[in-house]
Amino acid sequence: MAKENKNTVENKSQFAFVFDKINYIIMIAGIVLLALGYIFLMGGGSDDPNVFNEAMFNGRRLYLAPILIILGLVAEIVAIMYKGKKESE
């Protein structure tokens, strides 16, 4: 019986992921926040360098995009550092 238990532990550890499921979910959420932040940050330039385009200084670019990028980075750090509850063995 001890051999069976040892074999199952070896098989589990051989194919174990680095993180738990919750860590991967938080990572995906962080990547989505980063992507949204960068999407909100792009665009709004002018084709003619002699014409000033005020869309460059709207609230989406000045406030929303940087906040989303920072939240995405924080979510990635949390996803890496988070250690879930231990299962009772």
C-alpha atoms as a PDB file:
ATOM      1  CA  MET A   1       0.000   0.000   0.000  1.00  0.00           C
ATOM      2  CA  ALA A   2       2.887   2.351   0.690  1.00  0.00           C
ATOM      3  CA  LYS A   3       4.234   1.703  -2.795  1.00  0.00           C
ATOM      4  CA  GLU A   4       0.904   2.644  -4.378  1.00  0.00           C
ATOM      5  CA  ASN A   5       0.791   5.892  -2.431  1.00  0.00           C
ATOM      6  CA  LYS A   6       4.386   6.699  -3.422  1.00  0.00           C
ATOM      7  CA  ASN A   7       3.658   6.019  -7.106  1.00  0.00           C
ATOM      8  CA  THR A   8       0.610   8.286  -7.131  1.00  0.00           C
ATOM      9  CA  VAL A   9       2.592  11.093  -5.509  1.00  0.00           C
ATOM     10  CA  GLU A  10       5.365  10.699  -8.091  1.00  0.00           C
ATOM     11  CA  ASN A  11       2.849  10.723 -10.949  1.00  0.00           C
ATOM     12  CA  LYS A  12       1.156  13.831  -9.551  1.00  0.00           C
ATOM     13  CA  SER A  13       4.391  15.760  -9.118  1.00  0.00           C
ATOM     14  CA  GLN A  14       5.649  14.736 -12.549  1.00  0.00           C
ATOM     15  CA  PHE A  15       2.773  16.479 -14.356  1.00  0.00           C
ATOM     16  CA  ALA A  16       2.104  19.282 -11.868  1.00  0.00           C
ATOM     17  CA  PHE A  17       1.654  22.832 -13.072  1.00  0.00           C
ATOM     18  CA  VAL A  18       3.730  25.586 -11.570  1.00  0.00           C
ATOM     19  CA  PHE A  19       0.685  27.558 -10.410  1.00  0.00           C
ATOM     20  CA  ASP A  20      -2.830  26.699  -9.309  1.00  0.00           C
ATOM     21  CA  LYS A  21      -5.938  27.334 -11.381  1.00  0.00           C
ATOM     22  CA  ILE A  22      -6.707  30.604  -9.569  1.00  0.00           C
ATOM     23  CA  ASN A  23      -3.242  31.928 -10.415  1.00  0.00           C
ATOM     24  CA  TYR A  24      -3.823  31.336 -14.120  1.00  0.00           C
ATOM     25  CA  ILE A  25      -7.229  33.015 -13.940  1.00  0.00           C
ATOM     26  CA  ILE A  26      -5.689  36.090 -12.293  1.00  0.00           C
ATOM     27  CA  MET A  27      -2.917  36.092 -14.927  1.00  0.00           C
ATOM     28  CA  ILE A  28      -5.439  36.043 -17.762  1.00  0.00           C
ATOM     29  CA  ALA A  29      -7.379  38.887 -16.124  1.00  0.00           C
ATOM     30  CA  GLY A  30      -4.134  40.877 -15.836  1.00  0.00           C
ATOM     31  CA  ILE A  31      -3.305  40.286 -19.494  1.00  0.00           C
ATOM     32  CA  VAL A  32      -6.799  41.443 -20.489  1.00  0.00           C
ATOM     33  CA  LEU A  33      -6.404  44.611 -18.397  1.00  0.00           C
ATOM     34  CA  LEU A  34      -3.007  45.306 -19.956  1.00  0.00           C
ATOM     35  CA  ALA A  35      -4.347  44.776 -23.462  1.00  0.00           C
ATOM     36  CA  LEU A  36      -7.312  47.084 -22.827  1.00  0.00           C
ATOM     37  CA  GLY A  37      -5.007  49.738 -21.393  1.00  0.00           C
ATOM     38  CA  TYR A  38      -2.753  49.671 -24.434  1.00  0.00           C
ATOM     39  CA  ILE A  39      -5.730  49.648 -26.809  1.00  0.00           C
ATOM     40  CA  PHE A  40      -7.166  52.736 -25.093  1.00  0.00           C
ATOM     41  CA  LEU A  41      -3.760  54.398 -25.271  1.00  0.00           C
ATOM     42  CA  MET A  42      -3.275  54.098 -29.025  1.00  0.00           C
ATOM     43  CA  GLY A  43      -4.593  56.245 -31.858  1.00  0.00           C
ATOM     44  CA  GLY A  44      -5.561  59.886 -32.039  1.00  0.00           C
ATOM     45  CA  GLY A  45      -2.563  61.144 -33.946  1.00  0.00           C
ATOM     46  CA  SER A  46      -2.723  63.645 -36.773  1.00  0.00           C
ATOM     47  CA  ASP A  47      -1.806  62.869 -40.358  1.00  0.00           C
ATOM     48  CA  ASP A  48      -0.721  66.465 -40.960  1.00  0.00           C
ATOM     49  CA  PRO A  49       2.082  67.647 -38.612  1.00  0.00           C
ATOM     50  CA  ASN A  50       0.879  71.270 -38.971  1.00  0.00           C
ATOM     51  CA  VAL A  51      -2.570  70.478 -37.536  1.00  0.00           C
ATOM     52  CA  PHE A  52      -2.958  69.963 -33.786  1.00  0.00           C
ATOM     53  CA  ASN A  53      -5.298  67.167 -32.745  1.00  0.00           C
ATOM     54  CA  GLU A  54      -6.817  67.638 -29.281  1.00  0.00           C
ATOM     55  CA  ALA A  55      -7.938  64.003 -29.106  1.00  0.00           C
ATOM     56  CA  MET A  56      -4.426  63.294 -27.886  1.00  0.00           C
ATOM     57  CA  PHE A  57      -5.248  64.780 -24.478  1.00  0.00           C
ATOM     58  CA  ASN A  58      -8.644  63.263 -23.728  1.00  0.00           C
ATOM     59  CA  GLY A  59      -9.489  61.508 -20.472  1.00  0.00           C
ATOM     60  CA  ARG A  60      -9.319  58.054 -21.985  1.00  0.00           C
ATOM     61  CA  ARG A  61      -5.616  58.478 -22.733  1.00  0.00           C
ATOM     62  CA  LEU A  62      -4.621  60.532 -19.711  1.00  0.00           C
ATOM     63  CA  TYR A  63      -6.503  58.658 -16.981  1.00  0.00           C
ATOM     64  CA  LEU A  64      -8.224  55.455 -18.020  1.00  0.00           C
ATOM     65  CA  ALA A  65      -5.426  53.806 -20.008  1.00  0.00           C
ATOM     66  CA  PRO A  66      -2.656  54.284 -17.398  1.00  0.00           C
ATOM     67  CA  ILE A  67      -4.956  53.098 -14.610  1.00  0.00           C
ATOM     68  CA  LEU A  68      -5.811  49.933 -16.570  1.00  0.00           C
ATOM     69  CA  ILE A  69      -2.131  49.285 -17.304  1.00  0.00           C
ATOM     70  CA  ILE A  70      -1.161  49.696 -13.645  1.00  0.00           C
ATOM     71  CA  LEU A  71      -4.040  47.434 -12.538  1.00  0.00           C
ATOM     72  CA  GLY A  72      -2.928  44.837 -15.081  1.00  0.00           C
ATOM     73  CA  LEU A  73       0.640  44.905 -13.763  1.00  0.00           C
ATOM     74  CA  VAL A  74      -0.583  44.623 -10.172  1.00  0.00           C
ATOM     75  CA  ALA A  75      -2.797  41.680 -11.163  1.00  0.00           C
ATOM     76  CA  GLU A  76       0.195  39.935 -12.740  1.00  0.00           C
ATOM     77  CA  ILE A  77       2.277  40.434  -9.582  1.00  0.00           C
ATOM     78  CA  VAL A  78      -0.587  39.129  -7.429  1.00  0.00           C
ATOM     79  CA  ALA A  79      -1.007  36.118  -9.730  1.00  0.00           C
ATOM     80  CA  ILE A  80       2.655  35.230  -9.346  1.00  0.00           C
ATOM     81  CA  MET A  81       2.820  35.797  -5.585  1.00  0.00           C
ATOM     82  CA  TYR A  82      -0.586  34.367  -4.569  1.00  0.00           C
ATOM     83  CA  LYS A  83      -0.460  31.053  -2.803  1.00  0.00           C
ATOM     84  CA  GLY A  84      -3.846  29.386  -2.411  1.00  0.00           C
ATOM     85  CA  LYS A  85      -5.179  27.476   0.548  1.00  0.00           C
ATOM     86  CA  LYS A  86      -3.467  24.159   1.223  1.00  0.00           C
ATOM     87  CA  GLU A  87      -5.612  21.116   0.677  1.00  0.00           C
ATOM     88  CA  SER A  88      -5.839  18.787   3.656  1.00  0.00           C
ATOM     89  CA  GLU A  89      -3.755  15.731   2.931  1.00  0.00           C
END
